[in-house]
Amino acid sequence: MDERHATSRQKKARLDSSRILHAVVLLKTPPSSTGNGGSRPDRSKRQAAVDEIRASASKALAAIDEILAQFDGRRISDAPTALGTIVVETNAEGIAALSKSEHVKAVMQDQPVSRVS
C-alpha cells in the first residue's frame, strides 16, 4: 500500500464529520474551442476562452449544489472563476462526495497564501 494513501486515509478518519471544511473545487470543462494555433491570442480571444470555461463550468453548479445540500454544505463562490474553480464549504463526507462527482476534476484544500521570506 502506498504510504501517501495510508496517511491520507488516517487524516480523513480523524476528521470530525461535523467539522466544516473549505475547499477549492476544479470543475471539469471541455478543451477550449478557441485554440490559438501556437501564437499568443489577442484580448478578445482570451476573453472568449474565459467566457467559454465559465459557461461550461456553470452547467455543473446545480449538481454541485445538490451534493452540497445533502451534506449541509454550501457554495461560497457565486460563479466559476476563469479557471473553472469554485469555493465550497462542507463536511468531510461532502468533500468525498464532491470528489466522486462526474463534474469534478479535483478538490483542493483552501489554504491561505503566506509570504515566503
C-alpha atoms as a PDB file:
ATOM      1  CA  MET A   1       0.000   0.000   0.000  1.00  0.00           C
ATOM      2  CA  ASP A   2       1.249   3.443  -0.869  1.00  0.00           C
ATOM      3  CA  GLU A   3       2.344   5.352   2.258  1.00  0.00           C
ATOM      4  CA  ARG A   4       0.798   8.602   0.979  1.00  0.00           C
ATOM      5  CA  HIS A   5      -2.635   6.944   0.662  1.00  0.00           C
ATOM      6  CA  ALA A   6      -2.389   5.456   4.156  1.00  0.00           C
ATOM      7  CA  THR A   7      -1.614   8.892   5.602  1.00  0.00           C
ATOM      8  CA  SER A   8      -4.490  10.439   3.674  1.00  0.00           C
ATOM      9  CA  ARG A   9      -6.897   7.790   4.934  1.00  0.00           C
ATOM     10  CA  GLN A  10      -5.724   8.271   8.519  1.00  0.00           C
ATOM     11  CA  LYS A  11      -6.205  12.024   8.248  1.00  0.00           C
ATOM     12  CA  LYS A  12      -9.709  11.555   6.826  1.00  0.00           C
ATOM     13  CA  ALA A  13     -10.586   9.144   9.642  1.00  0.00           C
ATOM     14  CA  ARG A  14      -9.548  11.715  12.241  1.00  0.00           C
ATOM     15  CA  LEU A  15     -11.741  14.441  10.787  1.00  0.00           C
ATOM     16  CA  ASP A  16     -14.907  15.066  12.742  1.00  0.00           C
ATOM     17  CA  SER A  17     -17.817  14.588  10.361  1.00  0.00           C
ATOM     18  CA  SER A  18     -19.458  17.760  11.651  1.00  0.00           C
ATOM     19  CA  ARG A  19     -16.368  19.932  11.119  1.00  0.00           C
ATOM     20  CA  ILE A  20     -16.840  22.398   8.278  1.00  0.00           C
ATOM     21  CA  LEU A  21     -14.054  22.459   5.702  1.00  0.00           C
ATOM     22  CA  HIS A  22     -13.364  24.932   2.910  1.00  0.00           C
ATOM     23  CA  ALA A  23     -12.250  23.555  -0.423  1.00  0.00           C
ATOM     24  CA  VAL A  24     -11.495  24.752  -3.928  1.00  0.00           C
ATOM     25  CA  VAL A  25     -13.287  22.578  -6.476  1.00  0.00           C
ATOM     26  CA  LEU A  26     -11.903  22.406 -10.013  1.00  0.00           C
ATOM     27  CA  LEU A  27     -14.805  21.642 -12.330  1.00  0.00           C
ATOM     28  CA  LYS A  28     -14.382  19.569 -15.476  1.00  0.00           C
ATOM     29  CA  THR A  29     -14.551  21.627 -18.641  1.00  0.00           C
ATOM     30  CA  PRO A  30     -14.033  20.551 -22.247  1.00  0.00           C
ATOM     31  CA  PRO A  31     -10.929  21.750 -24.060  1.00  0.00           C
ATOM     32  CA  SER A  32     -11.314  25.300 -25.299  1.00  0.00           C
ATOM     33  CA  SER A  33     -12.508  25.629 -28.862  1.00  0.00           C
ATOM     34  CA  THR A  34     -10.758  28.982 -29.142  1.00  0.00           C
ATOM     35  CA  GLY A  35      -7.323  27.425 -29.714  1.00  0.00           C
ATOM     36  CA  ASN A  36      -4.628  29.878 -30.672  1.00  0.00           C
ATOM     37  CA  GLY A  37      -2.613  27.795 -33.140  1.00  0.00           C
ATOM     38  CA  GLY A  38       0.626  28.451 -31.255  1.00  0.00           C
ATOM     39  CA  SER A  39       0.512  32.232 -31.275  1.00  0.00           C
ATOM     40  CA  ARG A  40      -0.497  34.495 -28.423  1.00  0.00           C
ATOM     41  CA  PRO A  41      -4.231  35.177 -28.684  1.00  0.00           C
ATOM     42  CA  ASP A  42      -5.452  38.745 -28.680  1.00  0.00           C
ATOM     43  CA  ARG A  43      -7.586  40.165 -25.868  1.00  0.00           C
ATOM     44  CA  SER A  44     -10.914  39.225 -27.474  1.00  0.00           C
ATOM     45  CA  LYS A  45      -9.832  35.598 -27.987  1.00  0.00           C
ATOM     46  CA  ARG A  46      -8.589  35.350 -24.401  1.00  0.00           C
ATOM     47  CA  GLN A  47     -11.886  36.777 -23.145  1.00  0.00           C
ATOM     48  CA  ALA A  48     -13.818  34.339 -25.349  1.00  0.00           C
ATOM     49  CA  ALA A  49     -11.835  31.432 -23.859  1.00  0.00           C
ATOM     50  CA  VAL A  50     -12.558  32.647 -20.299  1.00  0.00           C
ATOM     51  CA  ASP A  51     -16.262  33.037 -21.104  1.00  0.00           C
ATOM     52  CA  GLU A  52     -16.327  29.544 -22.599  1.00  0.00           C
ATOM     53  CA  ILE A  53     -14.724  27.997 -19.483  1.00  0.00           C
ATOM     54  CA  ARG A  54     -17.082  29.849 -17.151  1.00  0.00           C
ATOM     55  CA  ALA A  55     -20.152  28.868 -19.178  1.00  0.00           C
ATOM     56  CA  SER A  56     -19.091  25.231 -19.321  1.00  0.00           C
ATOM     57  CA  ALA A  57     -18.311  25.100 -15.583  1.00  0.00           C
ATOM     58  CA  SER A  58     -21.579  26.858 -14.729  1.00  0.00           C
ATOM     59  CA  LYS A  59     -23.520  23.922 -16.173  1.00  0.00           C
ATOM     60  CA  ALA A  60     -22.289  21.770 -13.271  1.00  0.00           C
ATOM     61  CA  LEU A  61     -23.358  24.155 -10.494  1.00  0.00           C
ATOM     62  CA  ALA A  62     -26.830  22.634  -9.983  1.00  0.00           C
ATOM     63  CA  ALA A  63     -25.307  19.166  -9.497  1.00  0.00           C
ATOM     64  CA  ILE A  64     -22.662  20.563  -7.134  1.00  0.00           C
ATOM     65  CA  ASP A  65     -25.307  22.433  -5.119  1.00  0.00           C
ATOM     66  CA  GLU A  66     -27.344  19.220  -4.855  1.00  0.00           C
ATOM     67  CA  ILE A  67     -24.359  17.321  -3.443  1.00  0.00           C
ATOM     68  CA  LEU A  68     -23.588  20.127  -1.008  1.00  0.00           C
ATOM     69  CA  ALA A  69     -27.214  20.234   0.195  1.00  0.00           C
ATOM     70  CA  GLN A  70     -27.037  16.531   1.074  1.00  0.00           C
ATOM     71  CA  PHE A  71     -24.165  17.260   3.459  1.00  0.00           C
ATOM     72  CA  ASP A  72     -25.298  20.626   4.878  1.00  0.00           C
ATOM     73  CA  GLY A  73     -22.699  22.398   2.759  1.00  0.00           C
ATOM     74  CA  ARG A  74     -22.879  25.442   0.559  1.00  0.00           C
ATOM     75  CA  ARG A  75     -21.166  27.050  -2.375  1.00  0.00           C
ATOM     76  CA  ILE A  76     -19.287  30.216  -1.388  1.00  0.00           C
ATOM     77  CA  SER A  77     -18.496  31.298  -4.961  1.00  0.00           C
ATOM     78  CA  ASP A  78     -21.334  32.846  -6.926  1.00  0.00           C
ATOM     79  CA  ALA A  79     -19.859  31.719 -10.240  1.00  0.00           C
ATOM     80  CA  PRO A  80     -16.843  29.759 -11.505  1.00  0.00           C
ATOM     81  CA  THR A  81     -13.549  31.578 -11.973  1.00  0.00           C
ATOM     82  CA  ALA A  82     -11.738  31.880 -15.287  1.00  0.00           C
ATOM     83  CA  LEU A  83     -10.037  28.584 -14.419  1.00  0.00           C
ATOM     84  CA  GLY A  84     -13.327  26.801 -13.713  1.00  0.00           C
ATOM     85  CA  THR A  85     -12.967  26.738  -9.930  1.00  0.00           C
ATOM     86  CA  ILE A  86     -15.439  27.388  -7.128  1.00  0.00           C
ATOM     87  CA  VAL A  87     -15.014  27.592  -3.354  1.00  0.00           C
ATOM     88  CA  VAL A  88     -17.293  25.492  -1.160  1.00  0.00           C
ATOM     89  CA  GLU A  89     -17.739  24.672   2.493  1.00  0.00           C
ATOM     90  CA  THR A  90     -18.982  21.307   3.693  1.00  0.00           C
ATOM     91  CA  ASN A  91     -18.012  18.428   5.961  1.00  0.00           C
ATOM     92  CA  ALA A  92     -15.579  15.600   5.154  1.00  0.00           C
ATOM     93  CA  GLU A  93     -18.339  13.415   3.703  1.00  0.00           C
ATOM     94  CA  GLY A  94     -19.380  16.269   1.410  1.00  0.00           C
ATOM     95  CA  ILE A  95     -15.800  16.660   0.206  1.00  0.00           C
ATOM     96  CA  ALA A  96     -15.632  12.924  -0.511  1.00  0.00           C
ATOM     97  CA  ALA A  97     -18.933  13.050  -2.429  1.00  0.00           C
ATOM     98  CA  LEU A  98     -17.741  16.017  -4.484  1.00  0.00           C
ATOM     99  CA  SER A  99     -14.522  14.233  -5.383  1.00  0.00           C
ATOM    100  CA  LYS A 100     -16.587  11.347  -6.824  1.00  0.00           C
ATOM    101  CA  SER A 101     -18.800  13.608  -8.934  1.00  0.00           C
ATOM    102  CA  GLU A 102     -18.558  13.341 -12.708  1.00  0.00           C
ATOM    103  CA  HIS A 103     -18.437  17.161 -12.809  1.00  0.00           C
ATOM    104  CA  VAL A 104     -15.343  17.496 -10.602  1.00  0.00           C
ATOM    105  CA  LYS A 105     -11.772  17.259 -11.834  1.00  0.00           C
ATOM    106  CA  ALA A 106     -10.101  17.900  -8.454  1.00  0.00           C
ATOM    107  CA  VAL A 107     -10.786  19.052  -4.897  1.00  0.00           C
ATOM    108  CA  MET A 108      -8.090  21.029  -3.105  1.00  0.00           C
ATOM    109  CA  GLN A 109      -7.837  22.338   0.409  1.00  0.00           C
ATOM    110  CA  ASP A 110      -8.472  26.071   0.545  1.00  0.00           C
ATOM    111  CA  GLN A 111      -5.368  27.439   2.265  1.00  0.00           C
ATOM    112  CA  PRO A 112      -4.244  30.955   2.980  1.00  0.00           C
ATOM    113  CA  VAL A 113      -1.313  32.250   0.982  1.00  0.00           C
ATOM    114  CA  SER A 114       1.636  33.441   3.021  1.00  0.00           C
ATOM    115  CA  ARG A 115       4.746  35.309   2.097  1.00  0.00           C
ATOM    116  CA  VAL A 116       7.988  33.374   1.801  1.00  0.00           C
ATOM    117  CA  SER A 117      10.967  35.257   3.176  1.00  0.00           C
END
